[in-house]
Amino acid sequence: MRNVKELWRAHQEKKSDIKKRLKEFRLIGGKKPDDLFLELCFCLCTPMSKAERVMQVINSDNKNLLLQGDKVKIAKSLKGFARFHNNKAGYIVEAREKLGLLSKLPKDGLEARSFLMQNFKGLGLKEAAHFLRNIGYKDMAILDRHIINCLYDLKALKSNNKPGSKKQYDKLAEKFKNFSQKTGISLDELDLLFWSSRTGKILK
């Protein structure tokens, strides 16, 4: 998408599927901690890895392994599907010891983001926002390279450099929100629209 007109056109074409996916996220948010944990595992494993590959191993079929398996077994299952599989297996094992905290998430998105980063090793600003969006929180800016490059291409950003600090991240997030308001397309819908423009699919 090279300009806002192309963006609007793409949004009209994909709006129905995007809204369906966002509804699915909201439904996940109402499920039990075990189900939220699966989504948390997904977001712990996606950094530096392809979402589609991660989804092949982080899914309901492997739920018992993720909830009960030791670090070695989980790392073995992640190998070939997620980079740094040993580290990520460790994050998963540590996270499940704090499963009860997922029912204590603050309702405010930014407070919830901070809560997750303070309590779950392996979650940065982007990963915490990703998890929250995937369980139904609204207006979470997930600033990965796809999003930043799309905003740069649409001249919403002057640079496509990734943020190197929380201050820079939040500054870019504010520009993302301003662009959302300008286009009349919600932040959550823009996120999935940008991702689909780069990957051809509406994932999560």
N, C-alpha and C. Protein backbone atom coordinates (compact mmCIF):
# COMPACT_ATOMS: atom_id res chain seq x y z
N MET A 1 0.84 -1.19 0.00
CA MET A 1 0.00 0.00 0.00
C MET A 1 0.88 1.25 0.00
N ARG A 2 0.72 2.04 -1.05
CA ARG A 2 1.60 3.20 -1.20
C ARG A 2 0.97 4.50 -0.74
N ASN A 3 -0.34 4.52 -0.55
CA ASN A 3 -1.01 5.74 -0.10
C ASN A 3 -2.30 5.38 0.63
N VAL A 4 -2.94 6.40 1.21
CA VAL A 4 -4.12 6.18 2.03
C VAL A 4 -5.30 5.64 1.21
N LYS A 5 -5.39 6.05 -0.05
CA LYS A 5 -6.48 5.54 -0.90
C LYS A 5 -6.36 4.03 -1.07
N GLU A 6 -5.15 3.56 -1.30
CA GLU A 6 -4.94 2.12 -1.43
C GLU A 6 -5.21 1.42 -0.11
N LEU A 7 -4.88 2.09 0.98
CA LEU A 7 -5.15 1.54 2.31
C LEU A 7 -6.64 1.35 2.54
N TRP A 8 -7.42 2.39 2.22
CA TRP A 8 -8.88 2.29 2.37
C TRP A 8 -9.46 1.18 1.50
N ARG A 9 -8.95 1.08 0.28
CA ARG A 9 -9.44 0.05 -0.64
C ARG A 9 -9.16 -1.35 -0.08
N ALA A 10 -7.95 -1.53 0.43
CA ALA A 10 -7.59 -2.83 1.00
C ALA A 10 -8.43 -3.14 2.23
N HIS A 11 -8.70 -2.09 3.01
CA HIS A 11 -9.51 -2.27 4.22
C HIS A 11 -10.93 -2.71 3.88
N GLN A 12 -11.50 -2.12 2.87
CA GLN A 12 -12.85 -2.51 2.45
C GLN A 12 -12.89 -3.96 2.00
N GLU A 13 -11.85 -4.39 1.32
CA GLU A 13 -11.80 -5.77 0.82
C GLU A 13 -11.65 -6.79 1.95
N LYS A 14 -10.95 -6.42 3.01
CA LYS A 14 -10.62 -7.38 4.07
C LYS A 14 -11.34 -7.12 5.39
N LYS A 15 -12.17 -6.07 5.43
CA LYS A 15 -12.77 -5.65 6.70
C LYS A 15 -13.55 -6.75 7.39
N SER A 16 -14.32 -7.50 6.63
CA SER A 16 -15.15 -8.55 7.22
C SER A 16 -14.29 -9.62 7.90
N ASP A 17 -13.24 -10.06 7.24
CA ASP A 17 -12.36 -11.08 7.81
C ASP A 17 -11.58 -10.54 9.01
N ILE A 18 -11.19 -9.28 8.94
CA ILE A 18 -10.46 -8.66 10.04
C ILE A 18 -11.34 -8.56 11.28
N LYS A 19 -12.57 -8.11 11.11
CA LYS A 19 -13.50 -7.99 12.24
C LYS A 19 -13.79 -9.37 12.85
N LYS A 20 -13.88 -10.39 12.00
CA LYS A 20 -14.11 -11.75 12.48
C LYS A 20 -12.95 -12.20 13.36
N ARG A 21 -11.72 -11.91 12.92
CA ARG A 21 -10.55 -12.29 13.71
C ARG A 21 -10.51 -11.56 15.04
N LEU A 22 -10.84 -10.27 15.04
CA LEU A 22 -10.83 -9.50 16.28
C LEU A 22 -11.89 -10.02 17.25
N LYS A 23 -13.01 -10.47 16.73
CA LYS A 23 -14.05 -11.07 17.57
C LYS A 23 -13.53 -12.35 18.22
N GLU A 24 -12.76 -13.12 17.47
CA GLU A 24 -12.16 -14.35 18.00
C GLU A 24 -11.20 -14.03 19.15
N PHE A 25 -10.45 -12.94 19.02
CA PHE A 25 -9.56 -12.51 20.09
C PHE A 25 -10.35 -12.20 21.36
N ARG A 26 -11.46 -11.50 21.22
CA ARG A 26 -12.27 -11.14 22.39
C ARG A 26 -12.80 -12.38 23.08
N LEU A 27 -13.14 -13.41 22.32
CA LEU A 27 -13.63 -14.65 22.90
C LEU A 27 -12.54 -15.36 23.69
N ILE A 28 -11.30 -15.29 23.22
CA ILE A 28 -10.18 -15.89 23.93
C ILE A 28 -10.03 -15.24 25.31
N GLY A 29 -10.24 -13.93 25.37
CA GLY A 29 -10.09 -13.20 26.62
C GLY A 29 -11.03 -13.66 27.70
N GLY A 30 -12.13 -14.28 27.33
CA GLY A 30 -13.10 -14.75 28.31
C GLY A 30 -12.90 -16.19 28.73
N LYS A 31 -11.84 -16.82 28.25
CA LYS A 31 -11.61 -18.23 28.55
C LYS A 31 -10.79 -18.41 29.83
N LYS A 32 -10.55 -19.66 30.19
CA LYS A 32 -9.84 -20.00 31.42
C LYS A 32 -8.34 -19.68 31.29
N PRO A 33 -7.65 -19.55 32.45
CA PRO A 33 -6.21 -19.25 32.42
C PRO A 33 -5.39 -20.21 31.56
N ASP A 34 -5.81 -21.50 31.51
CA ASP A 34 -5.07 -22.46 30.69
C ASP A 34 -5.08 -22.06 29.21
N ASP A 35 -6.22 -21.56 28.76
CA ASP A 35 -6.33 -21.13 27.36
C ASP A 35 -5.57 -19.83 27.11
N LEU A 36 -5.60 -18.94 28.09
CA LEU A 36 -4.82 -17.71 27.98
C LEU A 36 -3.33 -18.03 27.94
N PHE A 37 -2.97 -19.07 28.67
CA PHE A 37 -1.56 -19.48 28.71
C PHE A 37 -1.07 -19.91 27.33
N LEU A 38 -1.90 -20.59 26.57
CA LEU A 38 -1.52 -20.97 25.21
C LEU A 38 -1.19 -19.74 24.38
N GLU A 39 -2.00 -18.70 24.52
CA GLU A 39 -1.77 -17.47 23.78
C GLU A 39 -0.49 -16.79 24.27
N LEU A 40 -0.24 -16.88 25.56
CA LEU A 40 0.98 -16.31 26.12
C LEU A 40 2.21 -17.03 25.56
N CYS A 41 2.12 -18.36 25.49
CA CYS A 41 3.23 -19.14 24.92
C CYS A 41 3.51 -18.74 23.48
N PHE A 42 2.44 -18.52 22.73
CA PHE A 42 2.59 -18.09 21.33
C PHE A 42 3.37 -16.78 21.26
N CYS A 43 2.99 -15.82 22.08
CA CYS A 43 3.64 -14.51 22.05
C CYS A 43 5.06 -14.56 22.60
N LEU A 44 5.35 -15.51 23.49
CA LEU A 44 6.71 -15.69 23.97
C LEU A 44 7.62 -16.27 22.89
N CYS A 45 7.02 -17.01 21.96
CA CYS A 45 7.81 -17.73 20.96
C CYS A 45 7.94 -17.02 19.62
N THR A 46 7.12 -16.00 19.36
CA THR A 46 7.15 -15.37 18.04
C THR A 46 8.34 -14.43 17.77
N PRO A 47 8.97 -13.82 18.78
CA PRO A 47 10.10 -12.94 18.45
C PRO A 47 11.18 -13.65 17.62
N MET A 48 11.57 -13.02 16.53
CA MET A 48 12.60 -13.53 15.62
C MET A 48 12.18 -14.84 14.94
N SER A 49 10.88 -15.14 14.98
CA SER A 49 10.37 -16.38 14.38
C SER A 49 9.12 -16.07 13.57
N LYS A 50 8.77 -16.94 12.64
CA LYS A 50 7.58 -16.76 11.83
C LYS A 50 6.35 -17.27 12.57
N ALA A 51 5.31 -16.44 12.63
CA ALA A 51 4.11 -16.80 13.37
C ALA A 51 3.51 -18.12 12.91
N GLU A 52 3.48 -18.33 11.61
CA GLU A 52 2.89 -19.56 11.08
C GLU A 52 3.65 -20.80 11.55
N ARG A 53 4.96 -20.70 11.64
CA ARG A 53 5.76 -21.82 12.12
C ARG A 53 5.49 -22.07 13.61
N VAL A 54 5.42 -21.00 14.36
CA VAL A 54 5.17 -21.13 15.80
C VAL A 54 3.81 -21.76 16.05
N MET A 55 2.81 -21.40 15.25
CA MET A 55 1.47 -21.93 15.42
C MET A 55 1.40 -23.44 15.19
N GLN A 56 2.38 -23.98 14.50
CA GLN A 56 2.41 -25.42 14.26
C GLN A 56 2.75 -26.22 15.51
N VAL A 57 3.35 -25.56 16.48
CA VAL A 57 3.72 -26.26 17.71
C VAL A 57 3.03 -25.69 18.95
N ILE A 58 2.72 -24.39 18.93
CA ILE A 58 1.98 -23.79 20.04
C ILE A 58 0.50 -23.82 19.68
N ASN A 59 -0.18 -24.87 20.10
CA ASN A 59 -1.59 -25.04 19.79
C ASN A 59 -2.23 -25.98 20.81
N SER A 60 -3.53 -26.15 20.71
CA SER A 60 -4.26 -26.94 21.70
C SER A 60 -3.82 -28.40 21.73
N ASP A 61 -3.32 -28.92 20.61
CA ASP A 61 -2.84 -30.31 20.58
C ASP A 61 -1.65 -30.52 21.51
N ASN A 62 -0.86 -29.47 21.70
CA ASN A 62 0.33 -29.56 22.56
C ASN A 62 0.12 -28.90 23.92
N LYS A 63 -1.12 -28.66 24.28
CA LYS A 63 -1.44 -27.96 25.52
C LYS A 63 -0.86 -28.67 26.75
N ASN A 64 -1.02 -29.99 26.82
CA ASN A 64 -0.53 -30.73 27.98
C ASN A 64 0.99 -30.65 28.10
N LEU A 65 1.67 -30.71 26.95
CA LEU A 65 3.13 -30.58 26.97
C LEU A 65 3.54 -29.23 27.52
N LEU A 66 2.89 -28.16 27.07
CA LEU A 66 3.24 -26.81 27.51
C LEU A 66 2.93 -26.60 28.98
N LEU A 67 1.88 -27.26 29.48
CA LEU A 67 1.47 -27.09 30.87
C LEU A 67 2.21 -28.01 31.83
N GLN A 68 2.71 -29.14 31.32
CA GLN A 68 3.29 -30.14 32.22
C GLN A 68 4.71 -30.59 31.86
N GLY A 69 5.10 -30.42 30.60
CA GLY A 69 6.41 -30.90 30.18
C GLY A 69 7.56 -30.11 30.79
N ASP A 70 8.72 -30.75 30.89
CA ASP A 70 9.88 -30.03 31.41
C ASP A 70 10.52 -29.19 30.30
N LYS A 71 11.50 -28.41 30.68
CA LYS A 71 12.12 -27.48 29.74
C LYS A 71 12.74 -28.21 28.55
N VAL A 72 13.35 -29.36 28.80
CA VAL A 72 14.02 -30.11 27.73
C VAL A 72 13.01 -30.57 26.68
N LYS A 73 11.89 -31.13 27.14
CA LYS A 73 10.87 -31.62 26.21
C LYS A 73 10.24 -30.49 25.41
N ILE A 74 9.98 -29.37 26.09
CA ILE A 74 9.38 -28.22 25.40
C ILE A 74 10.36 -27.65 24.38
N ALA A 75 11.63 -27.54 24.77
CA ALA A 75 12.65 -27.02 23.85
C ALA A 75 12.75 -27.92 22.61
N LYS A 76 12.69 -29.22 22.82
CA LYS A 76 12.77 -30.16 21.70
C LYS A 76 11.60 -29.96 20.74
N SER A 77 10.41 -29.70 21.29
CA SER A 77 9.23 -29.48 20.44
C SER A 77 9.32 -28.17 19.67
N LEU A 78 9.99 -27.18 20.26
CA LEU A 78 10.11 -25.86 19.62
C LEU A 78 11.21 -25.82 18.55
N LYS A 79 12.18 -26.73 18.67
CA LYS A 79 13.32 -26.71 17.75
C LYS A 79 12.85 -26.83 16.30
N GLY A 80 13.32 -25.90 15.48
CA GLY A 80 12.92 -25.89 14.07
C GLY A 80 11.69 -25.05 13.80
N PHE A 81 10.99 -24.67 14.86
CA PHE A 81 9.77 -23.87 14.71
C PHE A 81 9.94 -22.47 15.29
N ALA A 82 10.78 -22.33 16.29
CA ALA A 82 11.02 -21.03 16.93
C ALA A 82 12.51 -20.88 17.20
N ARG A 83 13.06 -19.75 16.83
CA ARG A 83 14.48 -19.49 17.11
C ARG A 83 14.68 -19.34 18.61
N PHE A 84 15.91 -19.62 19.06
CA PHE A 84 16.26 -19.55 20.48
C PHE A 84 15.31 -20.43 21.31
N HIS A 85 15.09 -21.65 20.81
CA HIS A 85 14.10 -22.54 21.42
C HIS A 85 14.40 -22.88 22.87
N ASN A 86 15.68 -22.95 23.24
CA ASN A 86 16.01 -23.25 24.64
C ASN A 86 15.59 -22.12 25.57
N ASN A 87 15.90 -20.89 25.18
CA ASN A 87 15.50 -19.74 25.99
C ASN A 87 13.98 -19.65 26.11
N LYS A 88 13.31 -19.85 24.99
CA LYS A 88 11.85 -19.71 24.99
C LYS A 88 11.17 -20.82 25.78
N ALA A 89 11.76 -22.01 25.76
CA ALA A 89 11.23 -23.09 26.59
C ALA A 89 11.34 -22.71 28.06
N GLY A 90 12.44 -22.07 28.42
CA GLY A 90 12.62 -21.61 29.80
C GLY A 90 11.58 -20.58 30.18
N TYR A 91 11.28 -19.65 29.26
CA TYR A 91 10.26 -18.64 29.54
C TYR A 91 8.90 -19.28 29.78
N ILE A 92 8.60 -20.31 28.99
CA ILE A 92 7.30 -20.99 29.11
C ILE A 92 7.19 -21.68 30.47
N VAL A 93 8.25 -22.38 30.88
CA VAL A 93 8.24 -23.08 32.16
C VAL A 93 8.08 -22.08 33.31
N GLU A 94 8.78 -20.96 33.23
CA GLU A 94 8.67 -19.94 34.27
C GLU A 94 7.28 -19.31 34.28
N ALA A 95 6.73 -19.08 33.09
CA ALA A 95 5.42 -18.41 32.98
C ALA A 95 4.30 -19.25 33.57
N ARG A 96 4.37 -20.57 33.39
CA ARG A 96 3.25 -21.40 33.87
C ARG A 96 3.22 -21.47 35.40
N GLU A 97 4.35 -21.14 36.04
CA GLU A 97 4.36 -21.08 37.50
C GLU A 97 3.60 -19.85 38.01
N LYS A 98 3.33 -18.93 37.10
CA LYS A 98 2.63 -17.70 37.47
C LYS A 98 1.28 -17.60 36.76
N LEU A 99 0.73 -18.75 36.41
CA LEU A 99 -0.50 -18.80 35.62
C LEU A 99 -1.63 -18.01 36.25
N GLY A 100 -1.71 -18.03 37.57
CA GLY A 100 -2.79 -17.33 38.27
C GLY A 100 -2.78 -15.83 38.07
N LEU A 101 -1.62 -15.28 37.72
CA LEU A 101 -1.52 -13.83 37.53
C LEU A 101 -2.32 -13.37 36.30
N LEU A 102 -2.58 -14.29 35.36
CA LEU A 102 -3.30 -13.89 34.16
C LEU A 102 -4.74 -13.50 34.45
N SER A 103 -5.26 -13.94 35.59
CA SER A 103 -6.62 -13.55 35.99
C SER A 103 -6.61 -12.23 36.76
N LYS A 104 -5.43 -11.66 36.97
CA LYS A 104 -5.30 -10.41 37.72
C LYS A 104 -4.83 -9.25 36.84
N LEU A 105 -4.91 -9.43 35.53
CA LEU A 105 -4.48 -8.37 34.62
C LEU A 105 -5.31 -7.11 34.81
N PRO A 106 -4.68 -5.94 34.91
CA PRO A 106 -5.43 -4.69 34.98
C PRO A 106 -6.28 -4.50 33.72
N LYS A 107 -7.39 -3.80 33.85
CA LYS A 107 -8.26 -3.59 32.71
C LYS A 107 -7.68 -2.58 31.72
N ASP A 108 -6.92 -1.62 32.24
CA ASP A 108 -6.28 -0.64 31.37
C ASP A 108 -5.15 -1.30 30.59
N GLY A 109 -5.10 -1.07 29.28
CA GLY A 109 -4.13 -1.72 28.43
C GLY A 109 -2.68 -1.45 28.78
N LEU A 110 -2.34 -0.19 29.02
CA LEU A 110 -0.95 0.15 29.31
C LEU A 110 -0.53 -0.37 30.68
N GLU A 111 -1.46 -0.36 31.64
CA GLU A 111 -1.16 -0.93 32.95
C GLU A 111 -0.97 -2.43 32.84
N ALA A 112 -1.80 -3.06 32.03
CA ALA A 112 -1.68 -4.51 31.83
C ALA A 112 -0.36 -4.86 31.15
N ARG A 113 0.06 -4.02 30.20
CA ARG A 113 1.33 -4.23 29.52
C ARG A 113 2.48 -4.20 30.51
N SER A 114 2.49 -3.20 31.38
CA SER A 114 3.54 -3.09 32.40
C SER A 114 3.51 -4.28 33.36
N PHE A 115 2.31 -4.68 33.74
CA PHE A 115 2.13 -5.82 34.65
C PHE A 115 2.75 -7.09 34.05
N LEU A 116 2.49 -7.33 32.79
CA LEU A 116 3.03 -8.51 32.12
C LEU A 116 4.56 -8.46 32.05
N MET A 117 5.10 -7.32 31.70
CA MET A 117 6.55 -7.20 31.57
C MET A 117 7.26 -7.37 32.91
N GLN A 118 6.60 -6.95 33.97
CA GLN A 118 7.18 -7.06 35.31
C GLN A 118 7.15 -8.49 35.83
N ASN A 119 6.17 -9.26 35.37
CA ASN A 119 5.95 -10.59 35.95
C ASN A 119 6.32 -11.77 35.06
N PHE A 120 6.47 -11.54 33.75
CA PHE A 120 6.74 -12.65 32.84
C PHE A 120 8.00 -12.39 32.02
N LYS A 121 9.02 -13.16 32.31
CA LYS A 121 10.29 -13.03 31.60
C LYS A 121 10.11 -13.41 30.13
N GLY A 122 10.70 -12.62 29.24
CA GLY A 122 10.60 -12.89 27.81
C GLY A 122 9.60 -12.01 27.09
N LEU A 123 8.83 -11.25 27.85
CA LEU A 123 7.86 -10.33 27.25
C LEU A 123 8.41 -8.91 27.27
N GLY A 124 8.63 -8.34 26.08
CA GLY A 124 8.99 -6.94 25.98
C GLY A 124 7.75 -6.13 25.68
N LEU A 125 7.94 -4.88 25.30
CA LEU A 125 6.80 -4.00 24.99
C LEU A 125 5.95 -4.57 23.87
N LYS A 126 6.61 -5.02 22.81
CA LYS A 126 5.89 -5.53 21.65
C LYS A 126 5.16 -6.83 21.98
N GLU A 127 5.86 -7.75 22.64
CA GLU A 127 5.27 -9.06 22.94
C GLU A 127 4.11 -8.95 23.92
N ALA A 128 4.24 -8.08 24.92
CA ALA A 128 3.17 -7.89 25.89
C ALA A 128 1.93 -7.29 25.21
N ALA A 129 2.17 -6.31 24.32
CA ALA A 129 1.05 -5.71 23.58
C ALA A 129 0.40 -6.74 22.66
N HIS A 130 1.22 -7.58 22.06
CA HIS A 130 0.72 -8.63 21.16
C HIS A 130 -0.21 -9.58 21.93
N PHE A 131 0.23 -10.02 23.09
CA PHE A 131 -0.59 -10.92 23.91
C PHE A 131 -1.92 -10.26 24.29
N LEU A 132 -1.85 -9.03 24.72
CA LEU A 132 -3.07 -8.33 25.15
C LEU A 132 -4.04 -8.16 23.99
N ARG A 133 -3.54 -7.81 22.82
CA ARG A 133 -4.41 -7.69 21.65
C ARG A 133 -5.06 -9.04 21.34
N ASN A 134 -4.28 -10.10 21.48
CA ASN A 134 -4.78 -11.43 21.14
C ASN A 134 -5.79 -12.00 22.13
N ILE A 135 -5.95 -11.32 23.28
CA ILE A 135 -6.98 -11.76 24.23
C ILE A 135 -8.07 -10.70 24.37
N GLY A 136 -8.12 -9.77 23.41
CA GLY A 136 -9.25 -8.87 23.34
C GLY A 136 -9.07 -7.44 23.78
N TYR A 137 -7.87 -7.08 24.26
CA TYR A 137 -7.63 -5.67 24.61
C TYR A 137 -7.61 -4.84 23.33
N LYS A 138 -8.10 -3.62 23.42
CA LYS A 138 -8.17 -2.76 22.25
C LYS A 138 -7.06 -1.71 22.27
N ASP A 139 -6.74 -1.22 21.07
CA ASP A 139 -5.79 -0.11 20.88
C ASP A 139 -4.39 -0.40 21.42
N MET A 140 -3.93 -1.64 21.25
CA MET A 140 -2.57 -2.00 21.64
C MET A 140 -1.67 -1.89 20.42
N ALA A 141 -0.66 -1.04 20.51
CA ALA A 141 0.26 -0.85 19.38
C ALA A 141 1.35 -1.91 19.42
N ILE A 142 1.33 -2.79 18.43
CA ILE A 142 2.32 -3.88 18.33
C ILE A 142 3.33 -3.46 17.27
N LEU A 143 4.40 -2.84 17.70
CA LEU A 143 5.32 -2.20 16.75
C LEU A 143 6.44 -3.14 16.31
N ASP A 144 6.08 -4.11 15.47
CA ASP A 144 7.11 -4.96 14.88
C ASP A 144 7.55 -4.33 13.55
N ARG A 145 8.47 -5.00 12.88
CA ARG A 145 9.04 -4.41 11.66
C ARG A 145 8.01 -4.25 10.55
N HIS A 146 7.03 -5.15 10.47
CA HIS A 146 6.01 -5.05 9.43
C HIS A 146 5.19 -3.76 9.62
N ILE A 147 4.77 -3.52 10.85
CA ILE A 147 3.95 -2.34 11.14
C ILE A 147 4.74 -1.06 10.88
N ILE A 148 5.97 -1.04 11.39
CA ILE A 148 6.79 0.16 11.23
C ILE A 148 7.07 0.44 9.75
N ASN A 149 7.36 -0.59 8.98
CA ASN A 149 7.62 -0.40 7.55
C ASN A 149 6.39 0.10 6.82
N CYS A 150 5.22 -0.42 7.18
CA CYS A 150 3.97 0.05 6.55
C CYS A 150 3.71 1.51 6.87
N LEU A 151 3.90 1.89 8.12
CA LEU A 151 3.69 3.28 8.52
C LEU A 151 4.69 4.19 7.82
N TYR A 152 5.90 3.72 7.66
CA TYR A 152 6.93 4.49 6.95
C TYR A 152 6.57 4.65 5.48
N ASP A 153 6.12 3.57 4.84
CA ASP A 153 5.73 3.63 3.43
C ASP A 153 4.57 4.60 3.21
N LEU A 154 3.69 4.70 4.21
CA LEU A 154 2.53 5.59 4.11
C LEU A 154 2.83 7.00 4.62
N LYS A 155 4.12 7.24 4.93
CA LYS A 155 4.61 8.55 5.37
C LYS A 155 4.04 8.98 6.72
N ALA A 156 3.62 8.00 7.51
CA ALA A 156 3.16 8.31 8.87
C ALA A 156 4.36 8.41 9.81
N LEU A 157 5.51 7.84 9.38
CA LEU A 157 6.76 7.92 10.13
C LEU A 157 7.85 8.44 9.21
N LYS A 158 8.79 9.20 9.77
CA LYS A 158 9.89 9.73 8.99
C LYS A 158 11.04 8.74 8.86
N SER A 159 11.03 7.72 9.70
CA SER A 159 12.08 6.70 9.67
C SER A 159 11.46 5.34 9.95
N ASN A 160 12.07 4.29 9.43
CA ASN A 160 11.57 2.95 9.74
C ASN A 160 12.48 2.22 10.73
N ASN A 161 13.25 3.01 11.49
CA ASN A 161 14.08 2.42 12.53
C ASN A 161 13.21 1.89 13.67
N LYS A 162 13.61 0.75 14.22
CA LYS A 162 12.86 0.18 15.34
C LYS A 162 13.16 0.98 16.61
N PRO A 163 12.19 1.09 17.51
CA PRO A 163 12.42 1.84 18.76
C PRO A 163 13.45 1.13 19.64
N GLY A 164 14.32 1.91 20.24
CA GLY A 164 15.35 1.33 21.09
C GLY A 164 15.11 1.50 22.57
N SER A 165 13.99 2.14 22.92
CA SER A 165 13.67 2.36 24.33
C SER A 165 12.15 2.46 24.48
N LYS A 166 11.69 2.39 25.73
CA LYS A 166 10.26 2.52 25.99
C LYS A 166 9.76 3.89 25.54
N LYS A 167 10.56 4.93 25.77
CA LYS A 167 10.17 6.28 25.37
C LYS A 167 9.97 6.35 23.86
N GLN A 168 10.88 5.77 23.10
CA GLN A 168 10.77 5.77 21.64
C GLN A 168 9.59 4.91 21.19
N TYR A 169 9.39 3.79 21.86
CA TYR A 169 8.27 2.90 21.51
C TYR A 169 6.94 3.64 21.69
N ASP A 170 6.79 4.27 22.84
CA ASP A 170 5.53 4.96 23.12
C ASP A 170 5.32 6.15 22.19
N LYS A 171 6.40 6.79 21.79
CA LYS A 171 6.31 7.91 20.84
C LYS A 171 5.81 7.41 19.49
N LEU A 172 6.36 6.27 19.03
CA LEU A 172 5.90 5.69 17.77
C LEU A 172 4.47 5.19 17.88
N ALA A 173 4.12 4.64 19.05
CA ALA A 173 2.76 4.15 19.27
C ALA A 173 1.76 5.30 19.16
N GLU A 174 2.15 6.47 19.66
CA GLU A 174 1.28 7.64 19.58
C GLU A 174 1.08 8.07 18.12
N LYS A 175 2.14 7.99 17.33
CA LYS A 175 2.03 8.34 15.91
C LYS A 175 1.15 7.33 15.17
N PHE A 176 1.25 6.08 15.57
CA PHE A 176 0.39 5.03 15.00
C PHE A 176 -1.08 5.33 15.30
N LYS A 177 -1.35 5.71 16.55
CA LYS A 177 -2.72 6.03 16.95
C LYS A 177 -3.24 7.27 16.21
N ASN A 178 -2.38 8.26 16.04
CA ASN A 178 -2.78 9.47 15.31
C ASN A 178 -3.12 9.13 13.85
N PHE A 179 -2.32 8.25 13.26
CA PHE A 179 -2.58 7.83 11.89
C PHE A 179 -3.90 7.07 11.80
N SER A 180 -4.16 6.24 12.80
CA SER A 180 -5.43 5.51 12.87
C SER A 180 -6.62 6.47 12.88
N GLN A 181 -6.53 7.48 13.71
CA GLN A 181 -7.61 8.46 13.81
C GLN A 181 -7.77 9.22 12.49
N LYS A 182 -6.66 9.54 11.87
CA LYS A 182 -6.69 10.28 10.60
C LYS A 182 -7.38 9.48 9.49
N THR A 183 -7.12 8.17 9.47
CA THR A 183 -7.69 7.33 8.41
C THR A 183 -9.11 6.86 8.73
N GLY A 184 -9.48 6.90 10.00
CA GLY A 184 -10.80 6.40 10.39
C GLY A 184 -10.85 4.88 10.50
N ILE A 185 -9.69 4.23 10.53
CA ILE A 185 -9.59 2.78 10.69
C ILE A 185 -8.99 2.50 12.07
N SER A 186 -9.64 1.67 12.86
CA SER A 186 -9.17 1.43 14.22
C SER A 186 -7.75 0.86 14.22
N LEU A 187 -7.06 1.10 15.32
CA LEU A 187 -5.68 0.64 15.46
C LEU A 187 -5.60 -0.88 15.30
N ASP A 188 -6.56 -1.60 15.89
CA ASP A 188 -6.55 -3.06 15.83
C ASP A 188 -6.76 -3.56 14.40
N GLU A 189 -7.64 -2.91 13.67
CA GLU A 189 -7.89 -3.30 12.29
C GLU A 189 -6.69 -2.96 11.41
N LEU A 190 -6.07 -1.82 11.67
CA LEU A 190 -4.88 -1.44 10.90
C LEU A 190 -3.76 -2.45 11.09
N ASP A 191 -3.58 -2.90 12.32
CA ASP A 191 -2.53 -3.86 12.61
C ASP A 191 -2.69 -5.11 11.75
N LEU A 192 -3.88 -5.69 11.75
CA LEU A 192 -4.12 -6.91 10.96
C LEU A 192 -4.07 -6.63 9.46
N LEU A 193 -4.52 -5.43 9.07
CA LEU A 193 -4.48 -5.05 7.66
C LEU A 193 -3.03 -4.94 7.18
N PHE A 194 -2.19 -4.29 7.98
CA PHE A 194 -0.78 -4.16 7.62
C PHE A 194 -0.12 -5.53 7.53
N TRP A 195 -0.41 -6.39 8.50
CA TRP A 195 0.19 -7.72 8.50
C TRP A 195 -0.23 -8.50 7.26
N SER A 196 -1.50 -8.41 6.92
CA SER A 196 -1.98 -9.16 5.76
C SER A 196 -1.37 -8.64 4.47
N SER A 197 -1.06 -7.34 4.44
CA SER A 197 -0.45 -6.77 3.23
C SER A 197 0.97 -7.28 3.02
N ARG A 198 1.62 -7.66 4.12
CA ARG A 198 3.00 -8.16 4.04
C ARG A 198 3.06 -9.68 3.90
N THR A 199 2.10 -10.36 4.52
CA THR A 199 2.15 -11.82 4.54
C THR A 199 1.09 -12.48 3.68
N GLY A 200 0.05 -11.72 3.30
CA GLY A 200 -1.05 -12.29 2.51
C GLY A 200 -2.08 -13.00 3.35
N LYS A 201 -1.89 -13.01 4.68
CA LYS A 201 -2.82 -13.71 5.55
C LYS A 201 -3.18 -12.88 6.78
N ILE A 202 -4.39 -13.12 7.29
CA ILE A 202 -4.82 -12.46 8.54
C ILE A 202 -4.63 -13.46 9.66
N LEU A 203 -3.51 -13.35 10.35
CA LEU A 203 -3.19 -14.32 11.40
C LEU A 203 -3.50 -13.74 12.77
N LYS A 204 -2.47 -13.62 13.59
CA LYS A 204 -2.67 -13.04 14.92
C LYS A 204 -1.33 -12.55 15.46
